[in-house]
Amino acid sequence: MLALLLPLAAIAETPSGLEDRLLAAADRLELPLQVDAALVVGGDYCSVTSPTGPPGATLRFHAASITKLMTAVVVLSLEEDGLLSVDDPVADYVEAFDGSPVTIAHLLTHTSGLRDRLGARGRQTAAEVGEYIESLAKQSPSVEPGSRWRYADAGYNLLGIVIESASGLPYVDAVVERVLEPLGMQSSTFFVASMPEDDRVRAFSARGRAFKHPWDRAFLPSSGLQTTAADLTRFGNAILDIAAGSEDGVLKPATLARMTRVQIATEWPGVAQGLGWQLAETPAGRQWRHAGGEAGFESLLTVYPERDLSIALLGNREDWPRFAFEAAIRDAVIETGERCY
């Protein structure tokens, strides 16, 4: 059974019904050995599960496609600064796409027609990234841009080049400047090689086979973030503050409203696509979310604006029940009325 922690911020002094429910859910769902889960509700932070590591280690998990939210926020913040428009053709920023009808909005909504013909394979240099982008430009779109939703890492990897062109910064520097540093996400990084060995989490298949993490410079914008649940809830809380009307966040409320407006239906029942965010209606109200999964790492970040609640989950086993655990955490918080334990 996973150990449950005391709050990150002092919320309650003694265990309560919420703790019992979360313990029962963790036990019932047979979670992986390493799960980092946290929530923020009403501005109060709470760690839910405790990943185990050497004393003093800060265990960082591969967040996989949750990274796309960071990329989308940077794109929209550049638009706020007048450095691009989501309606611009990608060709305005990436020469290889000269003549293409694909727009930035198509990339944000997975409607570009680009496909993942090439996966992460350890690209390290700018030249290798350039070759990857050239390969995307040579693709024949699978559908007419804007006509149909087809999830692909390729579009977000291309957005990384758009960000570099519009901002004049390397992709990672733009994310650090516009998201990670303003939100105090000090445990988040894109560079696995710079992480201490004790901070690295290994991931496994459902049958226990160890995976090798596919670090690839070309795929940083779609899936490169290494992070903790606590840092992801800082991002979630920032989104909640903006949704509540704060003008001092990484985006303006009107911009977040655009991001969380339905753009097109996805192939997942009950889930629509916004600008970066995946959107669903749940028994708890509107849910803005993004999941991630790669090489045994599976993650989930959810935001419930009506509940002032955000939940972050990071795990190191393929096919672990992250959606069920997230729902159990959400329901326990709502039904007990407790913010933590």
C-alpha atoms as a PDB file:
ATOM      1  CA  MET A   1       0.000   0.000   0.000  1.00  0.00           C
ATOM      2  CA  LEU A   2       1.191   3.504  -0.791  1.00  0.00           C
ATOM      3  CA  ALA A   3       1.957   5.839   2.056  1.00  0.00           C
ATOM      4  CA  LEU A   4      -0.118   8.992   2.165  1.00  0.00           C
ATOM      5  CA  LEU A   5       1.568  12.186   3.183  1.00  0.00           C
ATOM      6  CA  LEU A   6       0.731  15.155   5.317  1.00  0.00           C
ATOM      7  CA  PRO A   7      -0.355  18.301   3.441  1.00  0.00           C
ATOM      8  CA  LEU A   8       2.156  20.372   1.536  1.00  0.00           C
ATOM      9  CA  ALA A   9       0.535  23.350   3.240  1.00  0.00           C
ATOM     10  CA  ALA A  10      -0.973  23.085   6.697  1.00  0.00           C
ATOM     11  CA  ILE A  11      -4.615  22.281   6.051  1.00  0.00           C
ATOM     12  CA  ALA A  12      -5.670  19.940   8.821  1.00  0.00           C
ATOM     13  CA  GLU A  13      -3.836  18.648  11.855  1.00  0.00           C
ATOM     14  CA  THR A  14      -5.278  15.149  12.150  1.00  0.00           C
ATOM     15  CA  PRO A  15      -6.299  12.341   9.777  1.00  0.00           C
ATOM     16  CA  SER A  16      -9.911  12.386   8.643  1.00  0.00           C
ATOM     17  CA  GLY A  17     -12.446  10.618   6.465  1.00  0.00           C
ATOM     18  CA  LEU A  18     -10.700  11.908   3.371  1.00  0.00           C
ATOM     19  CA  GLU A  19      -7.489  10.096   4.274  1.00  0.00           C
ATOM     20  CA  ASP A  20      -9.377   6.835   4.831  1.00  0.00           C
ATOM     21  CA  ARG A  21     -11.063   7.101   1.464  1.00  0.00           C
ATOM     22  CA  LEU A  22      -7.846   7.824  -0.382  1.00  0.00           C
ATOM     23  CA  LEU A  23      -6.066   4.928   1.341  1.00  0.00           C
ATOM     24  CA  ALA A  24      -8.911   2.602   0.402  1.00  0.00           C
ATOM     25  CA  ALA A  25      -8.860   3.780  -3.218  1.00  0.00           C
ATOM     26  CA  ALA A  26      -5.091   3.314  -3.491  1.00  0.00           C
ATOM     27  CA  ASP A  27      -5.373  -0.202  -2.062  1.00  0.00           C
ATOM     28  CA  ARG A  28      -8.372  -1.211  -4.193  1.00  0.00           C
ATOM     29  CA  LEU A  29      -6.859  -0.050  -7.465  1.00  0.00           C
ATOM     30  CA  GLU A  30      -3.489  -1.776  -6.965  1.00  0.00           C
ATOM     31  CA  LEU A  31      -1.421   1.206  -8.004  1.00  0.00           C
ATOM     32  CA  PRO A  32       2.170   0.954  -9.286  1.00  0.00           C
ATOM     33  CA  LEU A  33       5.022   1.033  -6.801  1.00  0.00           C
ATOM     34  CA  GLN A  34       5.790   4.620  -7.783  1.00  0.00           C
ATOM     35  CA  VAL A  35       2.869   7.022  -7.983  1.00  0.00           C
ATOM     36  CA  ASP A  36       3.186  10.736  -7.316  1.00  0.00           C
ATOM     37  CA  ALA A  37      -0.247  12.289  -6.804  1.00  0.00           C
ATOM     38  CA  ALA A  38      -1.202  15.712  -5.493  1.00  0.00           C
ATOM     39  CA  LEU A  39      -4.179  18.021  -5.461  1.00  0.00           C
ATOM     40  CA  VAL A  40      -4.934  21.661  -4.900  1.00  0.00           C
ATOM     41  CA  VAL A  41      -8.385  22.792  -3.809  1.00  0.00           C
ATOM     42  CA  GLY A  42      -9.310  26.302  -2.809  1.00  0.00           C
ATOM     43  CA  GLY A  43      -5.645  27.266  -3.040  1.00  0.00           C
ATOM     44  CA  ASP A  44      -4.536  24.597  -0.523  1.00  0.00           C
ATOM     45  CA  TYR A  45      -2.031  21.995  -1.682  1.00  0.00           C
ATOM     46  CA  CYS A  46      -1.901  18.372  -0.583  1.00  0.00           C
ATOM     47  CA  SER A  47       0.323  15.433  -1.504  1.00  0.00           C
ATOM     48  CA  VAL A  48      -1.785  12.299  -1.838  1.00  0.00           C
ATOM     49  CA  THR A  49       0.795   9.550  -2.398  1.00  0.00           C
ATOM     50  CA  SER A  50       4.459   9.207  -1.635  1.00  0.00           C
ATOM     51  CA  PRO A  51       6.881   7.862  -4.259  1.00  0.00           C
ATOM     52  CA  THR A  52       9.815   6.158  -2.590  1.00  0.00           C
ATOM     53  CA  GLY A  53      13.411   7.110  -3.294  1.00  0.00           C
ATOM     54  CA  PRO A  54      16.753   7.729  -1.614  1.00  0.00           C
ATOM     55  CA  PRO A  55      16.766  10.285   1.233  1.00  0.00           C
ATOM     56  CA  GLY A  56      16.782  13.804  -0.147  1.00  0.00           C
ATOM     57  CA  ALA A  57      15.873  12.781  -3.687  1.00  0.00           C
ATOM     58  CA  THR A  58      13.282  14.709  -5.706  1.00  0.00           C
ATOM     59  CA  LEU A  59      11.736  12.011  -7.839  1.00  0.00           C
ATOM     60  CA  ARG A  60      10.803  13.362 -11.251  1.00  0.00           C
ATOM     61  CA  PHE A  61       8.508  11.455 -13.557  1.00  0.00           C
ATOM     62  CA  HIS A  62       8.222  11.711 -17.317  1.00  0.00           C
ATOM     63  CA  ALA A  63       5.002  13.702 -17.767  1.00  0.00           C
ATOM     64  CA  ALA A  64       4.730  12.727 -21.447  1.00  0.00           C
ATOM     65  CA  SER A  65       1.908  14.522 -23.252  1.00  0.00           C
ATOM     66  CA  ILE A  66       0.952  16.777 -20.344  1.00  0.00           C
ATOM     67  CA  THR A  67       3.868  18.759 -21.811  1.00  0.00           C
ATOM     68  CA  LYS A  68       1.516  19.816 -24.614  1.00  0.00           C
ATOM     69  CA  LEU A  69      -0.310  22.068 -22.160  1.00  0.00           C
ATOM     70  CA  MET A  70       2.904  23.966 -21.414  1.00  0.00           C
ATOM     71  CA  THR A  71       3.531  24.341 -25.139  1.00  0.00           C
ATOM     72  CA  ALA A  72      -0.014  25.573 -25.754  1.00  0.00           C
ATOM     73  CA  VAL A  73       0.227  28.132 -22.930  1.00  0.00           C
ATOM     74  CA  VAL A  74       3.464  29.509 -24.371  1.00  0.00           C
ATOM     75  CA  VAL A  75       1.880  29.826 -27.835  1.00  0.00           C
ATOM     76  CA  LEU A  76      -1.121  31.703 -26.434  1.00  0.00           C
ATOM     77  CA  SER A  77       1.087  33.954 -24.305  1.00  0.00           C
ATOM     78  CA  LEU A  78       3.082  34.853 -27.422  1.00  0.00           C
ATOM     79  CA  GLU A  79      -0.200  35.761 -29.071  1.00  0.00           C
ATOM     80  CA  GLU A  80      -1.050  38.017 -26.117  1.00  0.00           C
ATOM     81  CA  ASP A  81       2.282  39.769 -26.696  1.00  0.00           C
ATOM     82  CA  GLY A  82       1.489  40.295 -30.382  1.00  0.00           C
ATOM     83  CA  LEU A  83       4.263  37.985 -31.570  1.00  0.00           C
ATOM     84  CA  LEU A  84       1.949  35.611 -33.440  1.00  0.00           C
ATOM     85  CA  SER A  85      -1.701  34.769 -34.049  1.00  0.00           C
ATOM     86  CA  VAL A  86      -3.126  31.272 -33.793  1.00  0.00           C
ATOM     87  CA  ASP A  87      -4.732  31.906 -37.174  1.00  0.00           C
ATOM     88  CA  ASP A  88      -1.345  32.442 -38.814  1.00  0.00           C
ATOM     89  CA  PRO A  89      -0.079  29.883 -41.328  1.00  0.00           C
ATOM     90  CA  VAL A  90       2.742  27.787 -39.911  1.00  0.00           C
ATOM     91  CA  ALA A  91       4.679  28.786 -43.033  1.00  0.00           C
ATOM     92  CA  ASP A  92       5.063  32.290 -41.568  1.00  0.00           C
ATOM     93  CA  TYR A  93       7.377  30.785 -38.930  1.00  0.00           C
ATOM     94  CA  VAL A  94       8.740  27.561 -40.438  1.00  0.00           C
ATOM     95  CA  GLU A  95      10.208  27.892 -43.924  1.00  0.00           C
ATOM     96  CA  ALA A  96       9.878  24.192 -44.689  1.00  0.00           C
ATOM     97  CA  PHE A  97       6.084  24.607 -44.642  1.00  0.00           C
ATOM     98  CA  ASP A  98       6.012  27.258 -47.373  1.00  0.00           C
ATOM     99  CA  GLY A  99       2.745  26.867 -49.285  1.00  0.00           C
ATOM    100  CA  SER A 100       1.098  24.689 -46.629  1.00  0.00           C
ATOM    101  CA  PRO A 101      -2.452  25.589 -45.515  1.00  0.00           C
ATOM    102  CA  VAL A 102      -1.748  24.382 -41.967  1.00  0.00           C
ATOM    103  CA  THR A 103      -2.226  27.051 -39.293  1.00  0.00           C
ATOM    104  CA  ILE A 104      -1.076  27.280 -35.698  1.00  0.00           C
ATOM    105  CA  ALA A 105      -4.678  26.605 -34.593  1.00  0.00           C
ATOM    106  CA  HIS A 106      -4.667  23.373 -36.579  1.00  0.00           C
ATOM    107  CA  LEU A 107      -1.594  22.247 -34.634  1.00  0.00           C
ATOM    108  CA  LEU A 108      -3.106  23.204 -31.280  1.00  0.00           C
ATOM    109  CA  THR A 109      -6.305  21.253 -32.021  1.00  0.00           C
ATOM    110  CA  HIS A 110      -4.811  18.154 -33.688  1.00  0.00           C
ATOM    111  CA  THR A 111      -6.562  18.990 -36.950  1.00  0.00           C
ATOM    112  CA  SER A 112      -3.482  19.593 -39.125  1.00  0.00           C
ATOM    113  CA  GLY A 113      -3.562  16.198 -40.806  1.00  0.00           C
ATOM    114  CA  LEU A 114       0.027  15.525 -39.704  1.00  0.00           C
ATOM    115  CA  ARG A 115       0.772  11.989 -38.582  1.00  0.00           C
ATOM    116  CA  ASP A 116       3.347  10.392 -36.299  1.00  0.00           C
ATOM    117  CA  ARG A 117       5.247   8.457 -38.926  1.00  0.00           C
ATOM    118  CA  LEU A 118       8.497   9.031 -37.014  1.00  0.00           C
ATOM    119  CA  GLY A 119       8.761   8.476 -33.284  1.00  0.00           C
ATOM    120  CA  ALA A 120      11.182   9.556 -30.575  1.00  0.00           C
ATOM    121  CA  ARG A 121      14.555   7.953 -31.194  1.00  0.00           C
ATOM    122  CA  GLY A 122      17.137   9.948 -29.297  1.00  0.00           C
ATOM    123  CA  ARG A 123      17.723  12.977 -31.515  1.00  0.00           C
ATOM    124  CA  GLN A 124      20.262  15.246 -29.809  1.00  0.00           C
ATOM    125  CA  THR A 125      21.277  17.963 -32.257  1.00  0.00           C
ATOM    126  CA  ALA A 126      19.603  20.914 -33.958  1.00  0.00           C
ATOM    127  CA  ALA A 127      20.435  19.339 -37.314  1.00  0.00           C
ATOM    128  CA  GLU A 128      18.543  16.174 -36.373  1.00  0.00           C
ATOM    129  CA  VAL A 129      15.567  18.238 -35.257  1.00  0.00           C
ATOM    130  CA  GLY A 130      15.710  20.107 -38.574  1.00  0.00           C
ATOM    131  CA  GLU A 131      15.636  16.835 -40.486  1.00  0.00           C
ATOM    132  CA  TYR A 132      12.604  15.734 -38.483  1.00  0.00           C
ATOM    133  CA  ILE A 133      10.753  18.982 -39.264  1.00  0.00           C
ATOM    134  CA  GLU A 134      11.629  18.615 -42.959  1.00  0.00           C
ATOM    135  CA  SER A 135      10.122  15.132 -42.887  1.00  0.00           C
ATOM    136  CA  LEU A 136       6.879  16.549 -41.466  1.00  0.00           C
ATOM    137  CA  ALA A 137       6.752  19.170 -44.219  1.00  0.00           C
ATOM    138  CA  LYS A 138       7.002  16.452 -46.862  1.00  0.00           C
ATOM    139  CA  GLN A 139       3.987  14.566 -45.511  1.00  0.00           C
ATOM    140  CA  SER A 140       0.742  14.538 -47.431  1.00  0.00           C
ATOM    141  CA  PRO A 141      -1.936  15.487 -44.846  1.00  0.00           C
ATOM    142  CA  SER A 142      -4.096  12.538 -43.827  1.00  0.00           C
ATOM    143  CA  VAL A 143      -7.150  14.837 -43.881  1.00  0.00           C
ATOM    144  CA  GLU A 144      -7.882  18.358 -45.070  1.00  0.00           C
ATOM    145  CA  PRO A 145      -6.490  20.672 -42.373  1.00  0.00           C
ATOM    146  CA  GLY A 146      -9.223  21.760 -39.990  1.00  0.00           C
ATOM    147  CA  SER A 147     -11.685  19.084 -41.035  1.00  0.00           C
ATOM    148  CA  ARG A 148     -11.027  16.244 -38.618  1.00  0.00           C
ATOM    149  CA  TRP A 149      -9.332  15.491 -35.303  1.00  0.00           C
ATOM    150  CA  ARG A 150      -6.319  13.177 -35.430  1.00  0.00           C
ATOM    151  CA  TYR A 151      -4.135  13.163 -32.292  1.00  0.00           C
ATOM    152  CA  ALA A 152      -0.430  13.471 -33.131  1.00  0.00           C
ATOM    153  CA  ASP A 153       2.755  14.473 -31.332  1.00  0.00           C
ATOM    154  CA  ALA A 154       3.997  15.850 -34.661  1.00  0.00           C
ATOM    155  CA  GLY A 155       1.859  18.980 -34.511  1.00  0.00           C
ATOM    156  CA  TYR A 156       3.137  19.974 -31.077  1.00  0.00           C
ATOM    157  CA  ASN A 157       6.725  19.230 -32.031  1.00  0.00           C
ATOM    158  CA  LEU A 158       6.213  21.645 -34.917  1.00  0.00           C
ATOM    159  CA  LEU A 159       4.770  24.204 -32.477  1.00  0.00           C
ATOM    160  CA  GLY A 160       8.128  24.111 -30.710  1.00  0.00           C
ATOM    161  CA  ILE A 161       9.748  25.512 -33.861  1.00  0.00           C
ATOM    162  CA  VAL A 162       6.978  28.119 -34.177  1.00  0.00           C
ATOM    163  CA  ILE A 163       7.702  29.199 -30.590  1.00  0.00           C
ATOM    164  CA  GLU A 164      11.422  29.504 -31.319  1.00  0.00           C
ATOM    165  CA  SER A 165      10.787  31.554 -34.462  1.00  0.00           C
ATOM    166  CA  ALA A 166       8.256  33.901 -32.828  1.00  0.00           C
ATOM    167  CA  SER A 167      10.066  34.366 -29.502  1.00  0.00           C
ATOM    168  CA  GLY A 168      13.692  34.279 -30.617  1.00  0.00           C
ATOM    169  CA  LEU A 169      14.406  31.800 -27.808  1.00  0.00           C
ATOM    170  CA  PRO A 170      15.090  28.072 -27.746  1.00  0.00           C
ATOM    171  CA  TYR A 171      11.884  26.188 -26.990  1.00  0.00           C
ATOM    172  CA  VAL A 172      12.910  25.154 -23.462  1.00  0.00           C
ATOM    173  CA  ASP A 173      14.017  28.689 -22.553  1.00  0.00           C
ATOM    174  CA  ALA A 174      10.641  30.036 -23.691  1.00  0.00           C
ATOM    175  CA  VAL A 175       8.795  27.532 -21.478  1.00  0.00           C
ATOM    176  CA  VAL A 176      11.018  28.302 -18.512  1.00  0.00           C
ATOM    177  CA  GLU A 177      10.556  32.057 -18.962  1.00  0.00           C
ATOM    178  CA  ARG A 178       6.800  31.999 -19.556  1.00  0.00           C
ATOM    179  CA  VAL A 179       5.606  29.056 -17.428  1.00  0.00           C
ATOM    180  CA  LEU A 180       8.041  27.254 -15.138  1.00  0.00           C
ATOM    181  CA  GLU A 181       9.728  30.242 -13.467  1.00  0.00           C
ATOM    182  CA  PRO A 182       6.607  32.410 -12.997  1.00  0.00           C
ATOM    183  CA  LEU A 183       4.757  29.474 -11.398  1.00  0.00           C
ATOM    184  CA  GLY A 184       7.634  28.355  -9.180  1.00  0.00           C
ATOM    185  CA  MET A 185       7.888  24.947 -10.853  1.00  0.00           C
ATOM    186  CA  GLN A 186      11.433  24.506  -9.603  1.00  0.00           C
ATOM    187  CA  SER A 187      11.439  20.709  -9.740  1.00  0.00           C
ATOM    188  CA  SER A 188      10.551  20.609 -13.445  1.00  0.00           C
ATOM    189  CA  THR A 189      13.083  20.179 -16.238  1.00  0.00           C
ATOM    190  CA  PHE A 190      13.343  19.010 -19.836  1.00  0.00           C
ATOM    191  CA  PHE A 191      16.831  17.589 -19.544  1.00  0.00           C
ATOM    192  CA  VAL A 192      17.048  14.039 -18.216  1.00  0.00           C
ATOM    193  CA  ALA A 193      20.839  14.037 -18.435  1.00  0.00           C
ATOM    194  CA  SER A 194      21.052  16.925 -15.948  1.00  0.00           C
ATOM    195  CA  MET A 195      18.931  15.133 -13.326  1.00  0.00           C
ATOM    196  CA  PRO A 196      20.786  13.407 -10.462  1.00  0.00           C
ATOM    197  CA  GLU A 197      20.628   9.643 -10.791  1.00  0.00           C
ATOM    198  CA  ASP A 198      18.705   9.357  -7.511  1.00  0.00           C
ATOM    199  CA  ASP A 199      15.975  11.641  -8.904  1.00  0.00           C
ATOM    200  CA  ARG A 200      15.239   9.451 -11.916  1.00  0.00           C
ATOM    201  CA  VAL A 201      12.228   7.156 -11.909  1.00  0.00           C
ATOM    202  CA  ARG A 202      12.291   3.977 -13.995  1.00  0.00           C
ATOM    203  CA  ALA A 203       9.131   2.857 -15.756  1.00  0.00           C
ATOM    204  CA  PHE A 204       7.804  -0.596 -16.572  1.00  0.00           C
ATOM    205  CA  SER A 205       5.343  -2.407 -18.769  1.00  0.00           C
ATOM    206  CA  ALA A 206       2.202  -3.955 -17.295  1.00  0.00           C
ATOM    207  CA  ARG A 207       4.185  -7.220 -17.068  1.00  0.00           C
ATOM    208  CA  GLY A 208       7.144  -5.648 -15.317  1.00  0.00           C
ATOM    209  CA  ARG A 209       9.554  -5.174 -18.225  1.00  0.00           C
ATOM    210  CA  ALA A 210      11.709  -2.068 -17.781  1.00  0.00           C
ATOM    211  CA  PHE A 211      11.504   0.611 -20.462  1.00  0.00           C
ATOM    212  CA  LYS A 212      14.267   2.956 -21.565  1.00  0.00           C
ATOM    213  CA  HIS A 213      13.196   6.588 -21.544  1.00  0.00           C
ATOM    214  CA  PRO A 214      13.139   7.874 -25.154  1.00  0.00           C
ATOM    215  CA  TRP A 215      14.636  11.351 -24.607  1.00  0.00           C
ATOM    216  CA  ASP A 216      14.504  13.125 -27.949  1.00  0.00           C
ATOM    217  CA  ARG A 217      15.143  16.819 -28.564  1.00  0.00           C
ATOM    218  CA  ALA A 218      12.607  16.956 -31.410  1.00  0.00           C
ATOM    219  CA  PHE A 219       9.877  15.640 -29.091  1.00  0.00           C
ATOM    220  CA  LEU A 220      10.416  18.017 -26.173  1.00  0.00           C
ATOM    221  CA  PRO A 221       7.407  20.214 -27.122  1.00  0.00           C
ATOM    222  CA  SER A 222       5.022  17.253 -27.211  1.00  0.00           C
ATOM    223  CA  SER A 223       6.302  15.091 -24.371  1.00  0.00           C
ATOM    224  CA  GLY A 224       9.592  16.216 -22.827  1.00  0.00           C
ATOM    225  CA  LEU A 225       8.677  17.520 -19.363  1.00  0.00           C
ATOM    226  CA  GLN A 226      10.184  15.772 -16.313  1.00  0.00           C
ATOM    227  CA  THR A 227       8.297  16.863 -13.222  1.00  0.00           C
ATOM    228  CA  THR A 228       6.561  16.169  -9.915  1.00  0.00           C
ATOM    229  CA  ALA A 229       2.893  16.119  -8.978  1.00  0.00           C
ATOM    230  CA  ALA A 230       3.472  19.097  -6.690  1.00  0.00           C
ATOM    231  CA  ASP A 231       4.782  21.154  -9.608  1.00  0.00           C
ATOM    232  CA  LEU A 232       1.883  20.111 -11.824  1.00  0.00           C
ATOM    233  CA  THR A 233      -0.593  21.257  -9.175  1.00  0.00           C
ATOM    234  CA  ARG A 234       1.156  24.631  -9.178  1.00  0.00           C
ATOM    235  CA  PHE A 235       0.319  24.795 -12.865  1.00  0.00           C
ATOM    236  CA  GLY A 236      -3.234  23.591 -12.148  1.00  0.00           C
ATOM    237  CA  ASN A 237      -3.706  26.199  -9.421  1.00  0.00           C
ATOM    238  CA  ALA A 238      -2.473  28.929 -11.758  1.00  0.00           C
ATOM    239  CA  ILE A 239      -5.116  27.865 -14.289  1.00  0.00           C
ATOM    240  CA  LEU A 240      -7.791  27.932 -11.567  1.00  0.00           C
ATOM    241  CA  ASP A 241      -6.746  31.446 -10.548  1.00  0.00           C
ATOM    242  CA  ILE A 242      -6.982  32.651 -14.144  1.00  0.00           C
ATOM    243  CA  ALA A 243     -10.381  30.981 -14.531  1.00  0.00           C
ATOM    244  CA  ALA A 244     -11.518  32.868 -11.421  1.00  0.00           C
ATOM    245  CA  GLY A 245     -10.564  36.159 -13.062  1.00  0.00           C
ATOM    246  CA  SER A 246      -6.953  36.819 -12.061  1.00  0.00           C
ATOM    247  CA  GLU A 247      -5.229  39.198 -14.482  1.00  0.00           C
ATOM    248  CA  ASP A 248      -1.773  38.492 -13.032  1.00  0.00           C
ATOM    249  CA  GLY A 249      -1.231  34.969 -14.349  1.00  0.00           C
ATOM    250  CA  VAL A 250       0.671  33.429 -17.232  1.00  0.00           C
ATOM    251  CA  LEU A 251      -2.404  34.101 -19.410  1.00  0.00           C
ATOM    252  CA  LYS A 252      -5.322  36.508 -19.332  1.00  0.00           C
ATOM    253  CA  PRO A 253      -8.787  35.155 -18.425  1.00  0.00           C
ATOM    254  CA  ALA A 254     -10.092  35.845 -21.938  1.00  0.00           C
ATOM    255  CA  THR A 255      -7.250  33.807 -23.417  1.00  0.00           C
ATOM    256  CA  LEU A 256      -7.908  30.867 -21.098  1.00  0.00           C
ATOM    257  CA  ALA A 257     -11.591  31.064 -22.040  1.00  0.00           C
ATOM    258  CA  ARG A 258     -10.569  30.655 -25.686  1.00  0.00           C
ATOM    259  CA  MET A 259      -8.283  27.732 -24.827  1.00  0.00           C
ATOM    260  CA  THR A 260     -11.095  25.917 -23.038  1.00  0.00           C
ATOM    261  CA  ARG A 261     -13.751  26.499 -25.699  1.00  0.00           C
ATOM    262  CA  VAL A 262     -14.771  23.426 -27.710  1.00  0.00           C
ATOM    263  CA  GLN A 263     -13.080  23.424 -31.119  1.00  0.00           C
ATOM    264  CA  ILE A 264     -13.847  19.936 -32.376  1.00  0.00           C
ATOM    265  CA  ALA A 265     -14.942  16.520 -31.105  1.00  0.00           C
ATOM    266  CA  THR A 266     -12.275  13.911 -30.433  1.00  0.00           C
ATOM    267  CA  GLU A 267     -12.486  10.168 -30.993  1.00  0.00           C
ATOM    268  CA  TRP A 268     -12.825   9.665 -27.236  1.00  0.00           C
ATOM    269  CA  PRO A 269     -16.459   9.487 -26.095  1.00  0.00           C
ATOM    270  CA  GLY A 270     -17.547  12.617 -24.272  1.00  0.00           C
ATOM    271  CA  VAL A 271     -14.247  14.453 -24.800  1.00  0.00           C
ATOM    272  CA  ALA A 272     -13.828  17.541 -26.977  1.00  0.00           C
ATOM    273  CA  GLN A 273     -10.683  19.376 -28.040  1.00  0.00           C
ATOM    274  CA  GLY A 274      -9.859  22.941 -27.086  1.00  0.00           C
ATOM    275  CA  LEU A 275      -6.655  24.851 -27.807  1.00  0.00           C
ATOM    276  CA  GLY A 276      -4.382  22.372 -26.059  1.00  0.00           C
ATOM    277  CA  TRP A 277      -6.869  21.294 -23.394  1.00  0.00           C
ATOM    278  CA  GLN A 278      -9.119  18.245 -23.632  1.00  0.00           C
ATOM    279  CA  LEU A 279     -12.613  19.084 -22.396  1.00  0.00           C
ATOM    280  CA  ALA A 280     -15.229  16.889 -20.740  1.00  0.00           C
ATOM    281  CA  GLU A 281     -18.414  17.149 -18.708  1.00  0.00           C
ATOM    282  CA  THR A 282     -18.346  15.063 -15.515  1.00  0.00           C
ATOM    283  CA  PRO A 283     -20.616  14.580 -12.473  1.00  0.00           C
ATOM    284  CA  ALA A 284     -18.373  17.172 -10.800  1.00  0.00           C
ATOM    285  CA  GLY A 285     -18.864  19.717 -13.581  1.00  0.00           C
ATOM    286  CA  ARG A 286     -16.551  20.851 -16.355  1.00  0.00           C
ATOM    287  CA  GLN A 287     -13.209  19.081 -16.531  1.00  0.00           C
ATOM    288  CA  TRP A 288     -10.192  20.450 -18.369  1.00  0.00           C
ATOM    289  CA  ARG A 289      -7.529  17.799 -18.678  1.00  0.00           C
ATOM    290  CA  HIS A 290      -4.597  16.243 -20.456  1.00  0.00           C
ATOM    291  CA  ALA A 291      -3.219  12.753 -20.093  1.00  0.00           C
ATOM    292  CA  GLY A 292       0.210  11.446 -21.031  1.00  0.00           C
ATOM    293  CA  GLY A 293       1.699   8.058 -21.764  1.00  0.00           C
ATOM    294  CA  GLU A 294       5.096   6.995 -23.066  1.00  0.00           C
ATOM    295  CA  ALA A 295       7.467   4.104 -22.406  1.00  0.00           C
ATOM    296  CA  GLY A 296       5.711   2.969 -19.238  1.00  0.00           C
ATOM    297  CA  PHE A 297       5.116   6.425 -17.795  1.00  0.00           C
ATOM    298  CA  GLU A 298       1.437   7.379 -17.579  1.00  0.00           C
ATOM    299  CA  SER A 299       0.163  10.682 -16.227  1.00  0.00           C
ATOM    300  CA  LEU A 300      -2.951  12.806 -15.852  1.00  0.00           C
ATOM    301  CA  LEU A 301      -3.666  16.439 -14.982  1.00  0.00           C
ATOM    302  CA  THR A 302      -7.235  17.605 -14.402  1.00  0.00           C
ATOM    303  CA  VAL A 303      -8.783  20.967 -13.558  1.00  0.00           C
ATOM    304  CA  TYR A 304     -12.358  21.489 -12.303  1.00  0.00           C
ATOM    305  CA  PRO A 305     -13.027  25.245 -12.505  1.00  0.00           C
ATOM    306  CA  GLU A 306     -16.391  25.107 -10.717  1.00  0.00           C
ATOM    307  CA  ARG A 307     -14.825  23.154  -7.836  1.00  0.00           C
ATOM    308  CA  ASP A 308     -11.593  25.165  -7.602  1.00  0.00           C
ATOM    309  CA  LEU A 309      -9.885  21.765  -7.746  1.00  0.00           C
ATOM    310  CA  SER A 310      -6.931  20.398  -9.688  1.00  0.00           C
ATOM    311  CA  ILE A 311      -5.448  16.888  -9.466  1.00  0.00           C
ATOM    312  CA  ALA A 312      -2.088  15.685 -10.804  1.00  0.00           C
ATOM    313  CA  LEU A 313      -1.065  12.045 -11.161  1.00  0.00           C
ATOM    314  CA  LEU A 314       2.261  10.578 -12.295  1.00  0.00           C
ATOM    315  CA  GLY A 315       2.953   6.845 -12.404  1.00  0.00           C
ATOM    316  CA  ASN A 316       5.644   4.486 -13.659  1.00  0.00           C
ATOM    317  CA  ARG A 317       3.678   1.512 -14.975  1.00  0.00           C
ATOM    318  CA  GLU A 318       1.924   0.995 -18.262  1.00  0.00           C
ATOM    319  CA  ASP A 319      -1.871   0.808 -18.098  1.00  0.00           C
ATOM    320  CA  TRP A 320      -2.214   1.731 -14.432  1.00  0.00           C
ATOM    321  CA  PRO A 321      -5.728   2.955 -13.455  1.00  0.00           C
ATOM    322  CA  ARG A 322      -4.964   6.681 -13.364  1.00  0.00           C
ATOM    323  CA  PHE A 323      -8.422   7.796 -14.488  1.00  0.00           C
ATOM    324  CA  ALA A 324     -10.111   5.684 -11.801  1.00  0.00           C
ATOM    325  CA  PHE A 325      -7.732   6.973  -9.118  1.00  0.00           C
ATOM    326  CA  GLU A 326      -8.268  10.559 -10.224  1.00  0.00           C
ATOM    327  CA  ALA A 327     -12.054  10.107 -10.003  1.00  0.00           C
ATOM    328  CA  ALA A 328     -11.690   8.554  -6.543  1.00  0.00           C
ATOM    329  CA  ILE A 329      -9.638  11.517  -5.327  1.00  0.00           C
ATOM    330  CA  ARG A 330     -12.072  14.015  -6.841  1.00  0.00           C
ATOM    331  CA  ASP A 331     -15.136  12.334  -5.377  1.00  0.00           C
ATOM    332  CA  ALA A 332     -13.552  11.969  -1.946  1.00  0.00           C
ATOM    333  CA  VAL A 333     -12.701  15.676  -1.817  1.00  0.00           C
ATOM    334  CA  ILE A 334     -16.169  16.712  -2.950  1.00  0.00           C
ATOM    335  CA  GLU A 335     -18.176  14.263  -0.843  1.00  0.00           C
ATOM    336  CA  THR A 336     -16.245  14.747   2.409  1.00  0.00           C
ATOM    337  CA  GLY A 337     -15.938  18.502   1.977  1.00  0.00           C
ATOM    338  CA  GLU A 338     -12.357  18.211   3.257  1.00  0.00           C
ATOM    339  CA  ARG A 339      -9.423  19.848   1.566  1.00  0.00           C
ATOM    340  CA  CYS A 340      -6.773  17.477   2.848  1.00  0.00           C
ATOM    341  CA  TYR A 341      -5.946  15.520   5.972  1.00  0.00           C
END
